[in-house]
Amino acid sequence: MSAAARIPLVGAAVLGALAVLNGLAAKRAERRHPPQGRFVEVDGVRLHYTDRGEGPPVLLVHGNLVSGGDWDSSGVTAQLLQSGHRVIAFDRPGFGHSDRPRGKLWTSEAQAGLLFKATGQLGVERPVVVGHSWGAIVALAMALRHQADIAGAVLVSGYYFWTLRPDVLPVTLAAIPGLGDILRYTVSPLLGRLMLPLAKRAMFSPREVPERFSETYSDGMALRPSQLRATADDGALMIPGALEFRDELGSLATPTVILAGAEDKVVFSDMAERLHAALPHSILHVVRGAGHMVHYAVPRQLAATIAAVARSGALPEVTAQAA
């Protein structure tokens, strides 16, 4: 066999070996980070969630790259529990220990509908829904579609309007069926190992990555092929998600608090300012000295804002400032 003929065989062998190694690494990460909550099945989708405390309910929706446990790491969950709230946090479809079935386009509206049904199965009535980053689009969709059943919305560091983003093309390629599967099982986990440190620094900039995040965050869980698919799909749907509700924003009567980090390098704070201008029943807090991970910068203030909305069902007189 000629050298040229051997090249495809060698390439296929290397990709096959990478797929096996990455599959084993994913299994190892799941063993090291077993589910901490319970499971509920909604429309054939198995969702992992935690449900703690008693009192006015708060539904927490996480962003990309992380899972529902990110609210624990930030300290927001503990603050809400201390102030007497029932706190429910789901792993969104494909993240953490939740499934993400194929054959469905998991738009922000689709995820919002699924999580709303899940809260109903858990007996949750009129929660304050809180979303961070990609989760903020889900929270906004839920508030728009279920205004009578939502006590309020708190949107943190969300991407609400279409802009040119250089990060969309790579994730779109990774979301293509077939090609994306090959990448996720072979080279994407390796590239992710190199890029995750940079992504974390960008998320927390201008602050350092906090120890509590480093201690609880699992690169291995984030780089499993299943979660890489969810991350890529959501990244590819980011711009369509921002376009989905642009003509409906003025109809939102649900009290809405919008938070953004003044130094956010992932989603600029003027995005939040535009949303505030479009929502008649909203207030805006731009947190000085904070980046994209606002909930880590001001967990106590954020929890106090959420609690104020839950108590009154109205916009609070609370200002979040970075410590």
C-alpha atoms as a PDB file:
ATOM      1  CA  MET A   1       0.000   0.000   0.000  1.00  0.00           C
ATOM      2  CA  SER A   2       1.354   3.388  -0.984  1.00  0.00           C
ATOM      3  CA  ALA A   3       2.048   6.124   1.559  1.00  0.00           C
ATOM      4  CA  ALA A   4      -0.739   8.250   0.043  1.00  0.00           C
ATOM      5  CA  ALA A   5      -3.226   5.414   0.443  1.00  0.00           C
ATOM      6  CA  ARG A   6      -2.254   4.949   4.100  1.00  0.00           C
ATOM      7  CA  ILE A   7      -2.947   8.555   5.056  1.00  0.00           C
ATOM      8  CA  PRO A   8      -6.781   8.206   5.203  1.00  0.00           C
ATOM      9  CA  LEU A   9      -6.464   4.988   7.186  1.00  0.00           C
ATOM     10  CA  VAL A  10      -4.099   6.566   9.680  1.00  0.00           C
ATOM     11  CA  GLY A  11      -6.384   9.580   9.984  1.00  0.00           C
ATOM     12  CA  ALA A  12      -9.410   7.381  10.604  1.00  0.00           C
ATOM     13  CA  ALA A  13      -7.490   5.402  13.223  1.00  0.00           C
ATOM     14  CA  VAL A  14      -6.450   8.581  15.026  1.00  0.00           C
ATOM     15  CA  LEU A  15     -10.008   9.929  15.023  1.00  0.00           C
ATOM     16  CA  GLY A  16     -11.304   6.589  16.251  1.00  0.00           C
ATOM     17  CA  ALA A  17      -8.794   6.549  19.085  1.00  0.00           C
ATOM     18  CA  LEU A  18      -9.726  10.119  20.055  1.00  0.00           C
ATOM     19  CA  ALA A  19     -13.407   9.184  20.071  1.00  0.00           C
ATOM     20  CA  VAL A  20     -12.752   6.285  22.440  1.00  0.00           C
ATOM     21  CA  LEU A  21     -10.585   8.399  24.761  1.00  0.00           C
ATOM     22  CA  ASN A  22     -13.091  11.250  24.845  1.00  0.00           C
ATOM     23  CA  GLY A  23     -15.927   8.832  25.536  1.00  0.00           C
ATOM     24  CA  LEU A  24     -14.001   7.375  28.468  1.00  0.00           C
ATOM     25  CA  ALA A  25     -13.181  10.873  29.744  1.00  0.00           C
ATOM     26  CA  ALA A  26     -16.875  11.807  29.639  1.00  0.00           C
ATOM     27  CA  LYS A  27     -17.825   8.710  31.658  1.00  0.00           C
ATOM     28  CA  ARG A  28     -15.098   9.489  34.184  1.00  0.00           C
ATOM     29  CA  ALA A  29     -16.317  13.081  34.574  1.00  0.00           C
ATOM     30  CA  GLU A  30     -19.874  11.878  35.198  1.00  0.00           C
ATOM     31  CA  ARG A  31     -18.678   9.424  37.852  1.00  0.00           C
ATOM     32  CA  ARG A  32     -16.733  12.169  39.592  1.00  0.00           C
ATOM     33  CA  HIS A  33     -19.669  14.589  39.406  1.00  0.00           C
ATOM     34  CA  PRO A  34     -22.840  12.548  39.993  1.00  0.00           C
ATOM     35  CA  PRO A  35     -26.294  14.200  40.061  1.00  0.00           C
ATOM     36  CA  GLN A  36     -26.910  16.217  43.219  1.00  0.00           C
ATOM     37  CA  GLY A  37     -30.654  16.582  42.730  1.00  0.00           C
ATOM     38  CA  ARG A  38     -33.581  14.680  41.274  1.00  0.00           C
ATOM     39  CA  PHE A  39     -35.070  14.035  37.852  1.00  0.00           C
ATOM     40  CA  VAL A  40     -38.394  14.858  36.242  1.00  0.00           C
ATOM     41  CA  GLU A  41     -39.554  13.783  32.784  1.00  0.00           C
ATOM     42  CA  VAL A  42     -41.386  16.375  30.687  1.00  0.00           C
ATOM     43  CA  ASP A  43     -42.539  15.663  27.129  1.00  0.00           C
ATOM     44  CA  GLY A  44     -40.122  12.751  26.979  1.00  0.00           C
ATOM     45  CA  VAL A  45     -37.161  14.850  28.175  1.00  0.00           C
ATOM     46  CA  ARG A  46     -35.402  13.815  31.388  1.00  0.00           C
ATOM     47  CA  LEU A  47     -34.391  16.935  33.322  1.00  0.00           C
ATOM     48  CA  HIS A  48     -32.124  17.104  36.327  1.00  0.00           C
ATOM     49  CA  TYR A  49     -33.024  19.699  38.958  1.00  0.00           C
ATOM     50  CA  THR A  50     -32.590  20.758  42.567  1.00  0.00           C
ATOM     51  CA  ASP A  51     -35.549  21.941  44.647  1.00  0.00           C
ATOM     52  CA  ARG A  52     -34.767  23.355  48.069  1.00  0.00           C
ATOM     53  CA  GLY A  53     -36.337  25.538  50.707  1.00  0.00           C
ATOM     54  CA  GLU A  54     -39.827  26.831  51.332  1.00  0.00           C
ATOM     55  CA  GLY A  55     -41.510  30.118  50.588  1.00  0.00           C
ATOM     56  CA  PRO A  56     -42.091  32.237  47.491  1.00  0.00           C
ATOM     57  CA  PRO A  57     -40.624  30.234  44.576  1.00  0.00           C
ATOM     58  CA  VAL A  58     -37.665  31.306  42.471  1.00  0.00           C
ATOM     59  CA  LEU A  59     -36.693  29.503  39.253  1.00  0.00           C
ATOM     60  CA  LEU A  60     -33.014  29.859  38.297  1.00  0.00           C
ATOM     61  CA  VAL A  61     -31.942  29.330  34.661  1.00  0.00           C
ATOM     62  CA  HIS A  62     -28.217  29.039  33.945  1.00  0.00           C
ATOM     63  CA  GLY A  63     -26.219  30.200  30.942  1.00  0.00           C
ATOM     64  CA  ASN A  64     -23.932  28.433  28.489  1.00  0.00           C
ATOM     65  CA  LEU A  65     -20.818  26.388  29.466  1.00  0.00           C
ATOM     66  CA  VAL A  66     -22.206  25.782  32.984  1.00  0.00           C
ATOM     67  CA  SER A  67     -25.116  23.924  34.618  1.00  0.00           C
ATOM     68  CA  GLY A  68     -27.693  24.590  37.310  1.00  0.00           C
ATOM     69  CA  GLY A  69     -25.048  24.228  40.011  1.00  0.00           C
ATOM     70  CA  ASP A  70     -23.520  27.528  38.871  1.00  0.00           C
ATOM     71  CA  TRP A  71     -26.116  29.317  41.003  1.00  0.00           C
ATOM     72  CA  ASP A  72     -24.813  27.416  44.034  1.00  0.00           C
ATOM     73  CA  SER A  73     -21.190  28.300  43.249  1.00  0.00           C
ATOM     74  CA  SER A  74     -22.042  31.983  42.912  1.00  0.00           C
ATOM     75  CA  GLY A  75     -23.707  32.093  46.348  1.00  0.00           C
ATOM     76  CA  VAL A  76     -27.074  33.246  45.006  1.00  0.00           C
ATOM     77  CA  THR A  77     -28.859  30.019  45.987  1.00  0.00           C
ATOM     78  CA  ALA A  78     -27.650  30.191  49.574  1.00  0.00           C
ATOM     79  CA  GLN A  79     -28.709  33.827  49.884  1.00  0.00           C
ATOM     80  CA  LEU A  80     -32.201  33.039  48.591  1.00  0.00           C
ATOM     81  CA  LEU A  81     -32.592  30.073  50.922  1.00  0.00           C
ATOM     82  CA  GLN A  82     -31.538  32.210  53.876  1.00  0.00           C
ATOM     83  CA  SER A  83     -34.171  34.790  52.989  1.00  0.00           C
ATOM     84  CA  GLY A  84     -36.935  32.176  52.951  1.00  0.00           C
ATOM     85  CA  HIS A  85     -37.476  31.089  49.361  1.00  0.00           C
ATOM     86  CA  ARG A  86     -38.131  27.874  47.526  1.00  0.00           C
ATOM     87  CA  VAL A  87     -35.317  27.701  44.985  1.00  0.00           C
ATOM     88  CA  ILE A  88     -35.566  25.502  41.889  1.00  0.00           C
ATOM     89  CA  ALA A  89     -32.655  25.190  39.451  1.00  0.00           C
ATOM     90  CA  PHE A  90     -32.707  22.988  36.350  1.00  0.00           C
ATOM     91  CA  ASP A  91     -29.884  21.804  34.158  1.00  0.00           C
ATOM     92  CA  ARG A  92     -31.081  23.075  30.784  1.00  0.00           C
ATOM     93  CA  PRO A  93     -31.478  20.417  28.062  1.00  0.00           C
ATOM     94  CA  GLY A  94     -28.093  18.891  27.257  1.00  0.00           C
ATOM     95  CA  PHE A  95     -26.261  20.519  30.163  1.00  0.00           C
ATOM     96  CA  GLY A  96     -25.227  18.870  33.403  1.00  0.00           C
ATOM     97  CA  HIS A  97     -27.287  15.710  33.781  1.00  0.00           C
ATOM     98  CA  SER A  98     -30.277  16.704  31.624  1.00  0.00           C
ATOM     99  CA  ASP A  99     -31.033  15.060  28.287  1.00  0.00           C
ATOM    100  CA  ARG A 100     -31.257  16.913  24.979  1.00  0.00           C
ATOM    101  CA  PRO A 101     -33.152  14.710  22.493  1.00  0.00           C
ATOM    102  CA  ARG A 102     -32.373  15.087  18.830  1.00  0.00           C
ATOM    103  CA  GLY A 103     -35.029  15.918  16.280  1.00  0.00           C
ATOM    104  CA  LYS A 104     -36.064  19.163  17.956  1.00  0.00           C
ATOM    105  CA  LEU A 105     -34.787  22.707  17.591  1.00  0.00           C
ATOM    106  CA  TRP A 106     -34.044  23.774  21.138  1.00  0.00           C
ATOM    107  CA  THR A 107     -34.762  27.470  20.771  1.00  0.00           C
ATOM    108  CA  SER A 108     -35.108  29.764  23.779  1.00  0.00           C
ATOM    109  CA  GLU A 109     -38.886  29.474  23.439  1.00  0.00           C
ATOM    110  CA  ALA A 110     -38.733  25.658  23.308  1.00  0.00           C
ATOM    111  CA  GLN A 111     -36.555  25.563  26.425  1.00  0.00           C
ATOM    112  CA  ALA A 112     -38.789  28.066  28.198  1.00  0.00           C
ATOM    113  CA  GLY A 113     -41.866  25.968  27.434  1.00  0.00           C
ATOM    114  CA  LEU A 114     -40.178  22.810  28.684  1.00  0.00           C
ATOM    115  CA  LEU A 115     -39.010  24.386  31.953  1.00  0.00           C
ATOM    116  CA  PHE A 116     -42.404  26.000  32.521  1.00  0.00           C
ATOM    117  CA  LYS A 117     -44.090  22.595  32.194  1.00  0.00           C
ATOM    118  CA  ALA A 118     -41.507  21.115  34.527  1.00  0.00           C
ATOM    119  CA  THR A 119     -42.222  23.711  37.218  1.00  0.00           C
ATOM    120  CA  GLY A 120     -45.921  22.907  36.874  1.00  0.00           C
ATOM    121  CA  GLN A 121     -45.226  19.208  37.451  1.00  0.00           C
ATOM    122  CA  LEU A 122     -43.329  20.180  40.604  1.00  0.00           C
ATOM    123  CA  GLY A 123     -46.280  22.207  41.874  1.00  0.00           C
ATOM    124  CA  VAL A 124     -44.541  25.553  41.490  1.00  0.00           C
ATOM    125  CA  GLU A 125     -46.918  28.505  41.160  1.00  0.00           C
ATOM    126  CA  ARG A 126     -46.018  32.018  40.022  1.00  0.00           C
ATOM    127  CA  PRO A 127     -42.252  31.884  40.421  1.00  0.00           C
ATOM    128  CA  VAL A 128     -39.846  34.719  39.872  1.00  0.00           C
ATOM    129  CA  VAL A 129     -37.803  33.461  36.922  1.00  0.00           C
ATOM    130  CA  VAL A 130     -34.120  34.432  36.898  1.00  0.00           C
ATOM    131  CA  GLY A 131     -31.869  33.852  33.901  1.00  0.00           C
ATOM    132  CA  HIS A 132     -28.174  34.457  33.314  1.00  0.00           C
ATOM    133  CA  SER A 133     -26.587  34.901  29.869  1.00  0.00           C
ATOM    134  CA  TRP A 134     -28.252  32.406  27.476  1.00  0.00           C
ATOM    135  CA  GLY A 135     -30.610  31.581  30.324  1.00  0.00           C
ATOM    136  CA  ALA A 136     -31.762  35.206  30.332  1.00  0.00           C
ATOM    137  CA  ILE A 137     -33.247  34.696  26.848  1.00  0.00           C
ATOM    138  CA  VAL A 138     -35.058  31.618  28.171  1.00  0.00           C
ATOM    139  CA  ALA A 139     -36.341  33.599  31.162  1.00  0.00           C
ATOM    140  CA  LEU A 140     -37.501  36.417  28.885  1.00  0.00           C
ATOM    141  CA  ALA A 141     -39.317  33.932  26.629  1.00  0.00           C
ATOM    142  CA  MET A 142     -41.039  32.402  29.647  1.00  0.00           C
ATOM    143  CA  ALA A 143     -42.106  35.789  30.944  1.00  0.00           C
ATOM    144  CA  LEU A 144     -43.524  36.773  27.556  1.00  0.00           C
ATOM    145  CA  ARG A 145     -45.405  33.512  26.992  1.00  0.00           C
ATOM    146  CA  HIS A 146     -46.725  33.024  30.533  1.00  0.00           C
ATOM    147  CA  GLN A 147     -47.235  36.511  31.903  1.00  0.00           C
ATOM    148  CA  ALA A 148     -50.175  35.564  34.137  1.00  0.00           C
ATOM    149  CA  ASP A 149     -48.173  32.724  35.696  1.00  0.00           C
ATOM    150  CA  ILE A 150     -44.889  34.513  36.373  1.00  0.00           C
ATOM    151  CA  ALA A 151     -44.485  36.821  39.377  1.00  0.00           C
ATOM    152  CA  GLY A 152     -41.505  38.624  37.874  1.00  0.00           C
ATOM    153  CA  ALA A 153     -38.363  38.255  35.778  1.00  0.00           C
ATOM    154  CA  VAL A 154     -34.751  39.051  36.625  1.00  0.00           C
ATOM    155  CA  LEU A 155     -32.483  39.035  33.570  1.00  0.00           C
ATOM    156  CA  VAL A 156     -28.718  38.985  34.077  1.00  0.00           C
ATOM    157  CA  SER A 157     -26.078  39.581  31.375  1.00  0.00           C
ATOM    158  CA  GLY A 158     -28.382  38.535  28.537  1.00  0.00           C
ATOM    159  CA  TYR A 159     -28.019  38.806  24.761  1.00  0.00           C
ATOM    160  CA  TYR A 160     -31.299  40.382  23.620  1.00  0.00           C
ATOM    161  CA  PHE A 161     -30.666  42.047  20.242  1.00  0.00           C
ATOM    162  CA  TRP A 162     -28.953  40.953  17.054  1.00  0.00           C
ATOM    163  CA  THR A 163     -25.327  41.999  16.613  1.00  0.00           C
ATOM    164  CA  LEU A 164     -22.396  40.703  14.588  1.00  0.00           C
ATOM    165  CA  ARG A 165     -20.543  38.133  16.698  1.00  0.00           C
ATOM    166  CA  PRO A 166     -17.312  36.446  15.564  1.00  0.00           C
ATOM    167  CA  ASP A 167     -17.966  33.462  17.848  1.00  0.00           C
ATOM    168  CA  VAL A 168     -21.131  32.389  16.007  1.00  0.00           C
ATOM    169  CA  LEU A 169     -19.464  30.840  12.918  1.00  0.00           C
ATOM    170  CA  PRO A 170     -17.301  28.287  14.791  1.00  0.00           C
ATOM    171  CA  VAL A 171     -20.199  27.070  16.933  1.00  0.00           C
ATOM    172  CA  THR A 172     -22.486  26.941  13.907  1.00  0.00           C
ATOM    173  CA  LEU A 173     -20.064  24.553  12.199  1.00  0.00           C
ATOM    174  CA  ALA A 174     -19.974  22.453  15.364  1.00  0.00           C
ATOM    175  CA  ALA A 175     -23.795  22.361  15.404  1.00  0.00           C
ATOM    176  CA  ILE A 176     -24.088  20.850  11.901  1.00  0.00           C
ATOM    177  CA  PRO A 177     -25.326  17.237  12.182  1.00  0.00           C
ATOM    178  CA  GLY A 178     -22.675  14.764  11.138  1.00  0.00           C
ATOM    179  CA  LEU A 179     -19.768  17.197  10.991  1.00  0.00           C
ATOM    180  CA  GLY A 180     -20.513  18.433  14.483  1.00  0.00           C
ATOM    181  CA  ASP A 181     -20.711  14.877  15.819  1.00  0.00           C
ATOM    182  CA  ILE A 182     -17.290  14.036  14.403  1.00  0.00           C
ATOM    183  CA  LEU A 183     -15.775  17.179  15.895  1.00  0.00           C
ATOM    184  CA  ARG A 184     -17.379  16.720  19.318  1.00  0.00           C
ATOM    185  CA  TYR A 185     -16.107  13.169  19.703  1.00  0.00           C
ATOM    186  CA  THR A 186     -12.611  13.860  18.407  1.00  0.00           C
ATOM    187  CA  VAL A 187     -10.912  17.257  18.300  1.00  0.00           C
ATOM    188  CA  SER A 188     -13.382  19.597  20.022  1.00  0.00           C
ATOM    189  CA  PRO A 189     -12.652  18.354  23.570  1.00  0.00           C
ATOM    190  CA  LEU A 190      -8.925  18.867  22.964  1.00  0.00           C
ATOM    191  CA  LEU A 191      -9.445  22.360  21.609  1.00  0.00           C
ATOM    192  CA  GLY A 192     -11.802  23.060  24.492  1.00  0.00           C
ATOM    193  CA  ARG A 193      -9.085  22.182  27.003  1.00  0.00           C
ATOM    194  CA  LEU A 194      -6.937  24.898  25.432  1.00  0.00           C
ATOM    195  CA  MET A 195      -9.678  27.511  25.126  1.00  0.00           C
ATOM    196  CA  LEU A 196     -11.588  27.088  28.402  1.00  0.00           C
ATOM    197  CA  PRO A 197      -9.044  29.031  30.508  1.00  0.00           C
ATOM    198  CA  LEU A 198      -9.363  31.981  28.122  1.00  0.00           C
ATOM    199  CA  ALA A 199     -13.168  31.719  28.135  1.00  0.00           C
ATOM    200  CA  LYS A 200     -13.270  31.736  31.925  1.00  0.00           C
ATOM    201  CA  ARG A 201     -11.035  34.789  32.159  1.00  0.00           C
ATOM    202  CA  ALA A 202     -13.220  36.622  29.625  1.00  0.00           C
ATOM    203  CA  MET A 203     -16.373  35.706  31.540  1.00  0.00           C
ATOM    204  CA  PHE A 204     -15.103  37.067  34.858  1.00  0.00           C
ATOM    205  CA  SER A 205     -12.983  39.961  33.571  1.00  0.00           C
ATOM    206  CA  PRO A 206     -12.095  42.508  34.930  1.00  0.00           C
ATOM    207  CA  ARG A 207     -12.060  40.349  38.074  1.00  0.00           C
ATOM    208  CA  GLU A 208     -10.095  37.200  38.675  1.00  0.00           C
ATOM    209  CA  VAL A 209     -11.791  33.836  38.326  1.00  0.00           C
ATOM    210  CA  PRO A 210     -13.009  33.222  41.909  1.00  0.00           C
ATOM    211  CA  GLU A 211     -11.786  30.218  43.844  1.00  0.00           C
ATOM    212  CA  ARG A 212     -15.317  28.951  44.473  1.00  0.00           C
ATOM    213  CA  PHE A 213     -15.870  28.719  40.713  1.00  0.00           C
ATOM    214  CA  SER A 214     -12.555  26.966  40.102  1.00  0.00           C
ATOM    215  CA  GLU A 215     -13.250  24.490  42.910  1.00  0.00           C
ATOM    216  CA  THR A 216     -16.721  23.495  41.679  1.00  0.00           C
ATOM    217  CA  TYR A 217     -16.519  23.863  37.903  1.00  0.00           C
ATOM    218  CA  SER A 218     -15.698  20.699  35.960  1.00  0.00           C
ATOM    219  CA  ASP A 219     -13.921  21.051  32.633  1.00  0.00           C
ATOM    220  CA  GLY A 220     -14.580  17.368  32.059  1.00  0.00           C
ATOM    221  CA  MET A 221     -18.351  17.778  32.337  1.00  0.00           C
ATOM    222  CA  ALA A 222     -18.324  20.827  30.050  1.00  0.00           C
ATOM    223  CA  LEU A 223     -16.244  19.017  27.408  1.00  0.00           C
ATOM    224  CA  ARG A 224     -18.353  15.865  27.151  1.00  0.00           C
ATOM    225  CA  PRO A 225     -19.610  15.383  23.572  1.00  0.00           C
ATOM    226  CA  SER A 226     -23.217  15.633  24.774  1.00  0.00           C
ATOM    227  CA  GLN A 227     -22.705  19.005  26.445  1.00  0.00           C
ATOM    228  CA  LEU A 228     -20.539  20.283  23.600  1.00  0.00           C
ATOM    229  CA  ARG A 229     -23.510  19.617  21.314  1.00  0.00           C
ATOM    230  CA  ALA A 230     -25.800  21.646  23.577  1.00  0.00           C
ATOM    231  CA  THR A 231     -23.252  24.450  23.793  1.00  0.00           C
ATOM    232  CA  ALA A 232     -22.810  24.534  20.010  1.00  0.00           C
ATOM    233  CA  ASP A 233     -26.558  24.370  19.334  1.00  0.00           C
ATOM    234  CA  ASP A 234     -27.273  27.234  21.728  1.00  0.00           C
ATOM    235  CA  GLY A 235     -24.447  29.311  20.296  1.00  0.00           C
ATOM    236  CA  ALA A 236     -25.820  28.811  16.785  1.00  0.00           C
ATOM    237  CA  LEU A 237     -29.312  29.809  17.976  1.00  0.00           C
ATOM    238  CA  MET A 238     -28.141  32.913  19.831  1.00  0.00           C
ATOM    239  CA  ILE A 239     -28.885  35.404  17.050  1.00  0.00           C
ATOM    240  CA  PRO A 240     -32.211  33.783  16.053  1.00  0.00           C
ATOM    241  CA  GLY A 241     -33.141  33.840  19.735  1.00  0.00           C
ATOM    242  CA  ALA A 242     -32.456  37.550  19.904  1.00  0.00           C
ATOM    243  CA  LEU A 243     -34.674  38.117  16.866  1.00  0.00           C
ATOM    244  CA  GLU A 244     -37.475  35.884  18.108  1.00  0.00           C
ATOM    245  CA  PHE A 245     -39.249  38.367  20.371  1.00  0.00           C
ATOM    246  CA  ARG A 246     -38.107  41.762  19.157  1.00  0.00           C
ATOM    247  CA  ASP A 247     -41.638  42.805  18.104  1.00  0.00           C
ATOM    248  CA  GLU A 248     -43.275  41.610  21.334  1.00  0.00           C
ATOM    249  CA  LEU A 249     -41.156  43.263  23.996  1.00  0.00           C
ATOM    250  CA  GLY A 250     -43.507  46.217  24.460  1.00  0.00           C
ATOM    251  CA  SER A 251     -46.313  43.847  25.477  1.00  0.00           C
ATOM    252  CA  LEU A 252     -44.468  42.483  28.520  1.00  0.00           C
ATOM    253  CA  ALA A 253     -46.311  43.638  31.637  1.00  0.00           C
ATOM    254  CA  THR A 254     -44.400  41.343  34.024  1.00  0.00           C
ATOM    255  CA  PRO A 255     -42.159  43.321  36.426  1.00  0.00           C
ATOM    256  CA  THR A 256     -38.655  42.872  35.035  1.00  0.00           C
ATOM    257  CA  VAL A 257     -35.279  43.718  36.524  1.00  0.00           C
ATOM    258  CA  ILE A 258     -32.323  43.849  34.125  1.00  0.00           C
ATOM    259  CA  LEU A 259     -28.753  43.549  35.397  1.00  0.00           C
ATOM    260  CA  ALA A 260     -25.526  43.907  33.462  1.00  0.00           C
ATOM    261  CA  GLY A 261     -21.845  44.251  34.258  1.00  0.00           C
ATOM    262  CA  ALA A 262     -20.395  47.563  33.190  1.00  0.00           C
ATOM    263  CA  GLU A 263     -17.174  45.782  32.141  1.00  0.00           C
ATOM    264  CA  ASP A 264     -18.827  42.808  30.426  1.00  0.00           C
ATOM    265  CA  LYS A 265     -16.648  41.655  27.502  1.00  0.00           C
ATOM    266  CA  VAL A 266     -19.011  38.852  26.429  1.00  0.00           C
ATOM    267  CA  VAL A 267     -22.226  40.873  26.058  1.00  0.00           C
ATOM    268  CA  PHE A 268     -21.780  44.639  26.235  1.00  0.00           C
ATOM    269  CA  SER A 269     -23.937  46.438  28.801  1.00  0.00           C
ATOM    270  CA  ASP A 270     -25.595  48.611  26.152  1.00  0.00           C
ATOM    271  CA  MET A 271     -27.585  45.476  25.248  1.00  0.00           C
ATOM    272  CA  ALA A 272     -29.270  45.708  28.652  1.00  0.00           C
ATOM    273  CA  GLU A 273     -29.877  49.423  28.182  1.00  0.00           C
ATOM    274  CA  ARG A 274     -31.664  48.748  24.894  1.00  0.00           C
ATOM    275  CA  LEU A 275     -33.840  46.105  26.523  1.00  0.00           C
ATOM    276  CA  HIS A 276     -34.723  48.450  29.369  1.00  0.00           C
ATOM    277  CA  ALA A 277     -35.825  51.063  26.835  1.00  0.00           C
ATOM    278  CA  ALA A 278     -38.015  48.459  25.099  1.00  0.00           C
ATOM    279  CA  LEU A 279     -39.696  47.103  28.256  1.00  0.00           C
ATOM    280  CA  PRO A 280     -42.189  49.496  29.846  1.00  0.00           C
ATOM    281  CA  HIS A 281     -42.236  47.675  33.203  1.00  0.00           C
ATOM    282  CA  SER A 282     -38.535  47.314  33.857  1.00  0.00           C
ATOM    283  CA  ILE A 283     -35.658  48.761  35.822  1.00  0.00           C
ATOM    284  CA  LEU A 284     -31.972  48.527  34.999  1.00  0.00           C
ATOM    285  CA  HIS A 285     -28.923  48.033  37.203  1.00  0.00           C
ATOM    286  CA  VAL A 286     -25.498  48.328  35.568  1.00  0.00           C
ATOM    287  CA  VAL A 287     -22.997  46.975  38.084  1.00  0.00           C
ATOM    288  CA  ARG A 288     -19.710  48.862  38.140  1.00  0.00           C
ATOM    289  CA  GLY A 289     -16.561  46.771  38.265  1.00  0.00           C
ATOM    290  CA  ALA A 290     -18.328  43.579  37.185  1.00  0.00           C
ATOM    291  CA  GLY A 291     -18.102  41.576  33.992  1.00  0.00           C
ATOM    292  CA  HIS A 292     -20.324  38.904  32.510  1.00  0.00           C
ATOM    293  CA  MET A 293     -20.630  36.871  35.724  1.00  0.00           C
ATOM    294  CA  VAL A 294     -22.580  39.508  37.636  1.00  0.00           C
ATOM    295  CA  HIS A 295     -24.111  36.927  39.960  1.00  0.00           C
ATOM    296  CA  TYR A 296     -20.633  36.181  41.334  1.00  0.00           C
ATOM    297  CA  ALA A 297     -19.829  39.870  41.777  1.00  0.00           C
ATOM    298  CA  VAL A 298     -22.981  40.818  43.727  1.00  0.00           C
ATOM    299  CA  PRO A 299     -24.727  37.634  44.945  1.00  0.00           C
ATOM    300  CA  ARG A 300     -26.254  39.242  48.038  1.00  0.00           C
ATOM    301  CA  GLN A 301     -27.577  42.235  46.143  1.00  0.00           C
ATOM    302  CA  LEU A 302     -28.923  40.075  43.345  1.00  0.00           C
ATOM    303  CA  ALA A 303     -30.678  37.791  45.804  1.00  0.00           C
ATOM    304  CA  ALA A 304     -32.142  40.811  47.591  1.00  0.00           C
ATOM    305  CA  THR A 305     -33.469  42.123  44.284  1.00  0.00           C
ATOM    306  CA  ILE A 306     -35.043  38.742  43.475  1.00  0.00           C
ATOM    307  CA  ALA A 307     -36.577  38.548  46.958  1.00  0.00           C
ATOM    308  CA  ALA A 308     -38.018  42.037  46.623  1.00  0.00           C
ATOM    309  CA  VAL A 309     -39.735  41.123  43.357  1.00  0.00           C
ATOM    310  CA  ALA A 310     -41.046  37.892  44.886  1.00  0.00           C
ATOM    311  CA  ARG A 311     -42.464  39.680  47.937  1.00  0.00           C
ATOM    312  CA  SER A 312     -44.209  42.515  46.176  1.00  0.00           C
ATOM    313  CA  GLY A 313     -44.769  41.327  42.606  1.00  0.00           C
ATOM    314  CA  ALA A 314     -43.564  44.773  41.595  1.00  0.00           C
ATOM    315  CA  LEU A 315     -40.340  46.490  40.681  1.00  0.00           C
ATOM    316  CA  PRO A 316     -38.073  46.937  43.735  1.00  0.00           C
ATOM    317  CA  GLU A 317     -36.149  49.945  44.876  1.00  0.00           C
ATOM    318  CA  VAL A 318     -32.862  48.074  44.989  1.00  0.00           C
ATOM    319  CA  THR A 319     -29.549  49.040  43.435  1.00  0.00           C
ATOM    320  CA  ALA A 320     -26.878  46.387  42.884  1.00  0.00           C
ATOM    321  CA  GLN A 321     -23.331  47.634  43.263  1.00  0.00           C
ATOM    322  CA  ALA A 322     -20.139  45.632  43.029  1.00  0.00           C
ATOM    323  CA  ALA A 323     -18.385  45.084  46.326  1.00  0.00           C
END
